Protein backbone atom coordinates (compact mmCIF):
# COMPACT_ATOMS: atom_id res chain seq x y z
CA MET A 1 174.69 -50.91 -187.94
CA ALA A 2 171.31 -52.58 -188.45
CA ASP A 3 172.61 -55.75 -186.81
CA GLU A 4 173.58 -53.79 -183.69
CA GLU A 5 170.13 -52.20 -183.44
CA ASP A 6 168.17 -55.38 -184.10
CA PRO A 7 169.10 -58.25 -181.72
CA LEU A 8 166.98 -60.66 -183.78
CA SER A 9 169.24 -60.30 -186.82
CA GLN A 10 171.79 -62.65 -185.22
CA PHE A 11 169.17 -65.40 -184.99
CA ASP A 12 167.66 -65.07 -188.48
CA ILE A 13 164.16 -65.13 -187.01
CA SER A 14 161.24 -62.72 -187.39
CA LYS A 15 159.81 -60.62 -184.57
CA GLU A 16 156.50 -62.44 -184.95
CA GLU A 17 158.18 -65.81 -184.41
CA THR A 18 160.08 -64.48 -181.40
CA ASP A 19 156.96 -62.97 -179.85
CA LYS A 20 155.19 -66.30 -180.27
CA LEU A 21 158.02 -68.13 -178.51
CA VAL A 22 158.03 -65.57 -175.68
CA SER A 23 154.28 -66.02 -175.25
CA GLU A 24 154.63 -69.80 -175.17
CA VAL A 25 157.33 -69.57 -172.49
CA ILE A 26 155.25 -67.18 -170.39
CA ARG A 27 152.17 -69.37 -170.70
CA PHE A 28 154.18 -72.41 -169.64
CA ILE A 29 155.69 -70.57 -166.64
CA LEU A 30 152.36 -69.27 -165.35
CA PHE A 31 150.57 -72.60 -165.80
CA LYS A 32 153.38 -74.75 -164.43
CA PHE A 33 154.09 -72.59 -161.39
CA HIS A 34 150.47 -72.47 -160.25
CA GLN A 35 149.71 -76.08 -161.20
CA SER A 36 152.68 -77.36 -159.18
CA SER A 37 151.99 -75.16 -156.13
CA GLY A 38 155.16 -73.13 -156.51
CA THR A 39 157.62 -75.91 -157.34
CA PRO A 40 160.60 -74.34 -159.19
CA ILE A 41 160.57 -74.43 -162.98
CA LYS A 42 163.62 -75.96 -164.64
CA ARG A 43 165.42 -73.86 -167.21
CA GLU A 44 165.80 -76.91 -169.44
CA ASP A 45 161.98 -77.13 -169.70
CA LEU A 46 161.86 -73.52 -170.93
CA THR A 47 164.75 -74.08 -173.30
CA GLN A 48 163.02 -77.07 -174.88
CA ILE A 49 160.06 -74.88 -175.87
CA VAL A 50 162.46 -72.99 -178.14
CA THR A 51 164.82 -75.74 -179.26
CA LYS A 52 162.11 -78.16 -180.36
CA ASN A 53 161.74 -76.11 -183.57
CA TYR A 54 164.72 -73.73 -183.56
CA ARG A 55 168.42 -74.52 -183.34
CA GLN A 56 169.92 -71.01 -183.30
CA ARG A 57 172.58 -70.59 -180.65
CA ASN A 58 171.58 -68.40 -177.67
CA LEU A 59 168.03 -67.98 -178.99
CA ALA A 60 166.59 -69.74 -175.94
CA THR A 61 168.47 -67.37 -173.63
CA HIS A 62 167.14 -64.37 -175.55
CA VAL A 63 163.54 -65.67 -175.41
CA ILE A 64 163.73 -66.42 -171.68
CA ASN A 65 165.15 -62.94 -170.99
CA GLU A 66 162.33 -61.36 -173.02
CA ALA A 67 159.79 -63.48 -171.13
CA LYS A 68 161.31 -62.28 -167.86
CA LYS A 69 160.88 -58.64 -168.91
CA LYS A 70 157.27 -59.18 -169.98
CA LEU A 71 156.39 -61.07 -166.81
CA SER A 72 157.61 -58.06 -164.85
CA ASN A 73 156.09 -55.32 -167.00
CA VAL A 74 152.72 -56.96 -167.70
CA PHE A 75 152.08 -59.42 -164.87
CA GLY A 76 154.07 -57.90 -162.01
CA TYR A 77 156.17 -61.03 -161.45
CA ASP A 78 159.92 -61.40 -161.12
CA LEU A 79 161.18 -64.61 -162.72
CA LYS A 80 163.81 -65.23 -160.08
CA GLU A 81 166.64 -67.67 -160.66
CA LEU A 82 167.38 -69.84 -157.65
CA GLN A 83 170.96 -69.86 -156.50
CA ARG A 84 172.72 -73.21 -156.19
CA ALA A 85 172.24 -74.77 -152.78
CA ARG A 86 175.04 -74.52 -150.26
CA ALA A 87 177.59 -77.28 -150.14
CA SER A 88 177.23 -79.58 -147.17
CA SER A 89 179.34 -78.46 -144.23
CA ASN A 90 180.18 -82.01 -143.22
CA GLY A 91 181.05 -83.36 -146.63
CA GLN A 92 178.18 -85.86 -146.68
CA SER A 93 176.27 -86.36 -149.91
CA ARG A 94 172.67 -85.16 -150.14
CA LEU A 95 169.77 -87.38 -151.03
CA PRO A 96 169.43 -87.99 -154.80
CA GLN A 97 166.18 -86.01 -155.07
CA SER A 98 167.79 -82.93 -153.52
CA GLN A 99 170.93 -83.24 -155.64
CA SER A 100 169.01 -83.48 -158.89
CA SER A 101 167.10 -80.32 -158.01
CA VAL A 102 170.25 -78.20 -157.94
CA ASP A 103 172.13 -79.72 -160.86
CA SER A 104 170.36 -77.38 -163.31
CA LYS A 105 169.11 -73.81 -163.14
CA SER A 106 165.57 -73.27 -161.99
CA TYR A 107 163.21 -70.35 -161.46
CA VAL A 108 160.34 -69.25 -159.23
CA LEU A 109 157.84 -66.44 -159.64
CA VAL A 110 157.99 -63.68 -157.03
CA SER A 111 155.36 -60.95 -156.95
CA GLU A 112 156.66 -57.40 -157.41
CA LEU A 113 153.41 -55.87 -156.18
CA PRO A 114 153.35 -53.91 -152.90
CA LEU A 115 152.54 -56.27 -150.03
CA GLU A 116 149.17 -54.68 -149.21
CA VAL A 117 148.07 -54.84 -152.87
CA PHE A 118 149.24 -58.43 -153.19
CA ARG A 119 147.32 -59.49 -150.07
CA LYS A 120 144.14 -57.72 -151.17
CA HIS A 121 143.97 -58.74 -154.82
CA VAL A 122 146.19 -61.79 -155.33
CA VAL A 123 146.42 -63.94 -152.22
CA ASP A 124 144.16 -66.98 -152.25
CA GLU A 125 142.84 -67.53 -148.73
CA THR A 126 142.84 -71.28 -149.28
CA THR A 127 146.67 -71.18 -149.40
CA SER A 128 147.02 -69.35 -146.08
CA PRO A 129 147.40 -72.53 -143.96
CA MET A 130 150.28 -73.72 -146.17
CA THR A 131 151.92 -70.30 -145.93
CA GLY A 132 151.64 -70.45 -142.15
CA PHE A 133 153.02 -74.00 -142.09
CA THR A 134 155.96 -72.90 -144.24
CA PHE A 135 156.85 -70.02 -141.95
CA VAL A 136 156.57 -72.18 -138.83
CA VAL A 137 158.84 -74.88 -140.24
CA LEU A 138 161.40 -72.38 -141.55
CA ALA A 139 161.39 -70.58 -138.20
CA ILE A 140 162.05 -73.86 -136.36
CA VAL A 141 164.93 -74.72 -138.68
CA GLN A 142 166.28 -71.16 -138.48
CA LEU A 143 166.24 -71.22 -134.67
CA ALA A 144 168.07 -74.55 -134.79
CA GLY A 145 170.92 -72.88 -136.66
CA GLY A 146 169.72 -73.59 -140.20
CA LYS A 147 169.82 -77.36 -139.87
CA ILE A 148 167.79 -79.79 -137.78
CA PRO A 149 167.41 -83.59 -137.42
CA GLU A 150 164.14 -84.92 -138.78
CA GLU A 151 163.20 -86.39 -135.39
CA THR A 152 163.72 -83.03 -133.64
CA LEU A 153 161.70 -81.16 -136.27
CA TRP A 154 158.75 -83.53 -135.84
CA HIS A 155 159.10 -83.23 -132.07
CA HIS A 156 158.43 -79.49 -132.36
CA LEU A 157 155.63 -79.96 -134.88
CA LYS A 158 153.93 -82.53 -132.61
CA ARG A 159 153.73 -79.87 -129.91
CA MET A 160 151.55 -77.97 -132.39
CA GLY A 161 149.34 -81.00 -133.04
CA LEU A 162 151.03 -82.05 -136.28
CA HIS A 163 152.02 -85.72 -136.13
CA GLU A 164 154.25 -87.39 -138.70
CA SER A 165 151.97 -90.42 -138.97
CA ASP A 166 148.79 -88.40 -139.55
CA GLU A 167 147.66 -88.92 -143.15
CA HIS A 168 144.21 -87.35 -142.68
CA ASN A 169 144.83 -83.94 -141.17
CA PRO A 170 141.68 -81.82 -141.75
CA VAL A 171 143.79 -78.96 -143.12
CA PHE A 172 146.89 -80.52 -144.70
CA GLY A 173 145.88 -84.10 -145.37
CA ASN A 174 149.11 -86.10 -145.20
CA ASN A 175 151.40 -84.19 -142.80
CA LYS A 176 154.56 -85.94 -143.97
CA GLN A 177 153.77 -85.15 -147.62
CA THR A 178 153.10 -81.53 -146.67
CA LEU A 179 156.61 -81.30 -145.25
CA GLU A 180 157.95 -82.99 -148.39
CA THR A 181 156.28 -80.23 -150.43
CA LEU A 182 158.66 -77.72 -148.84
CA VAL A 183 161.55 -79.83 -150.16
CA GLN A 184 160.04 -79.89 -153.65
CA GLN A 185 159.54 -76.11 -153.50
CA ARG A 186 163.20 -75.71 -152.47
CA TYR A 187 162.53 -74.12 -149.08
CA LEU A 188 164.20 -77.14 -147.46
CA GLN A 189 166.65 -79.79 -148.53
CA LYS A 190 167.25 -83.20 -147.03
CA GLU A 191 170.61 -84.63 -146.13
CA LYS A 192 171.68 -88.00 -144.74
CA VAL A 193 174.57 -87.90 -142.30
CA SER A 194 176.40 -91.04 -141.20
CA GLY A 195 177.19 -91.40 -137.52
CA PRO A 196 178.08 -94.00 -134.89
CA GLU A 197 174.41 -94.94 -134.53
CA GLY A 198 173.71 -95.11 -138.25
CA ASN A 199 172.28 -92.62 -140.72
CA THR A 200 170.44 -89.53 -139.49
CA LEU A 201 168.18 -87.49 -141.76
CA PHE A 202 168.58 -83.72 -141.48
CA TYR A 203 166.58 -80.84 -142.92
CA ASP A 204 168.41 -77.64 -143.72
CA LEU A 205 167.43 -74.39 -145.39
CA ALA A 206 167.47 -74.46 -149.20
CA GLU A 207 167.68 -71.73 -151.86
CA ARG A 208 164.28 -70.12 -151.42
CA ALA A 209 164.58 -69.98 -147.63
CA LEU A 210 168.04 -68.39 -147.94
CA ASP A 211 166.77 -65.68 -150.29
CA PRO A 212 166.91 -62.33 -148.40
CA GLN A 213 163.24 -61.59 -149.12
CA VAL A 214 162.15 -64.82 -147.44
CA SER A 215 164.78 -64.97 -144.70
CA GLU A 216 163.97 -61.44 -143.52
CA LYS A 217 160.27 -62.28 -143.31
CA VAL A 218 161.09 -65.40 -141.29
CA LYS A 219 163.25 -63.32 -138.93
CA ASP A 220 160.41 -60.83 -138.50
CA TYR A 221 158.04 -63.73 -137.81
CA ILE A 222 160.39 -65.11 -135.14
CA SER A 223 160.84 -61.66 -133.62
CA GLN A 224 157.06 -61.19 -133.41
CA ILE A 225 156.61 -64.57 -131.69
CA LEU A 226 159.32 -63.73 -129.15
CA LYS A 227 157.69 -60.35 -128.44
CA ASN A 228 154.32 -62.04 -127.89
CA ASP A 229 155.92 -64.58 -125.54
CA VAL A 230 157.50 -61.78 -123.49
CA ALA A 231 154.15 -59.99 -123.30
CA VAL A 232 152.43 -63.16 -122.05
CA VAL A 233 155.10 -63.66 -119.37
CA GLU A 234 154.70 -60.06 -118.22
CA LEU A 235 150.93 -60.49 -117.97
CA ASP A 236 151.34 -63.69 -115.97
CA ASP A 237 153.68 -61.89 -113.59
């Protein structure tokens, strides 16, 4: 009966040791996520925090689950597991960097705070340009049907003053690297497709962009732009 009531009995580990492991995992998640500007955290990195000193089966899973609960209850974050990226519709293989990103489970932190509270107390104004850039790029890809050739994407971005060759943008610095950041953060994934004229690089929506919370916001963003365009046309008339 005691074993059923105490989940730690199956691991032969004290509550103090478990709490310490949970704290180490949480500390790693918070530091890593903010240090890497939102790049997903690999489950294997969290597992190694536990397995470097403990070999009990399923202990890492238990610790990660406890960390997830505490992140929600104490910090107001959901440790959200990213779903595996969609298989390519044309059967072509993705670039190695994209493939390696989906071979193992990974997580991102998503705020559970009400939007108005999050904007007032959490949002860092210095990240606003990157947020805007992300929404613009995702909207362009979404309007293209979820997949767009690299050349076409840069064509649209150039109309906004963002050139692929610009490495000294006053806001973003290296524009090409800024776009690559969206790949690292798993909003986009890159795919090479072979054709009669050679290989063409495509960008399509990745796990985070396909998440309902993000995709609905992108749709609202597109809808708002279309409404504004209609209003401008009516004024011109």
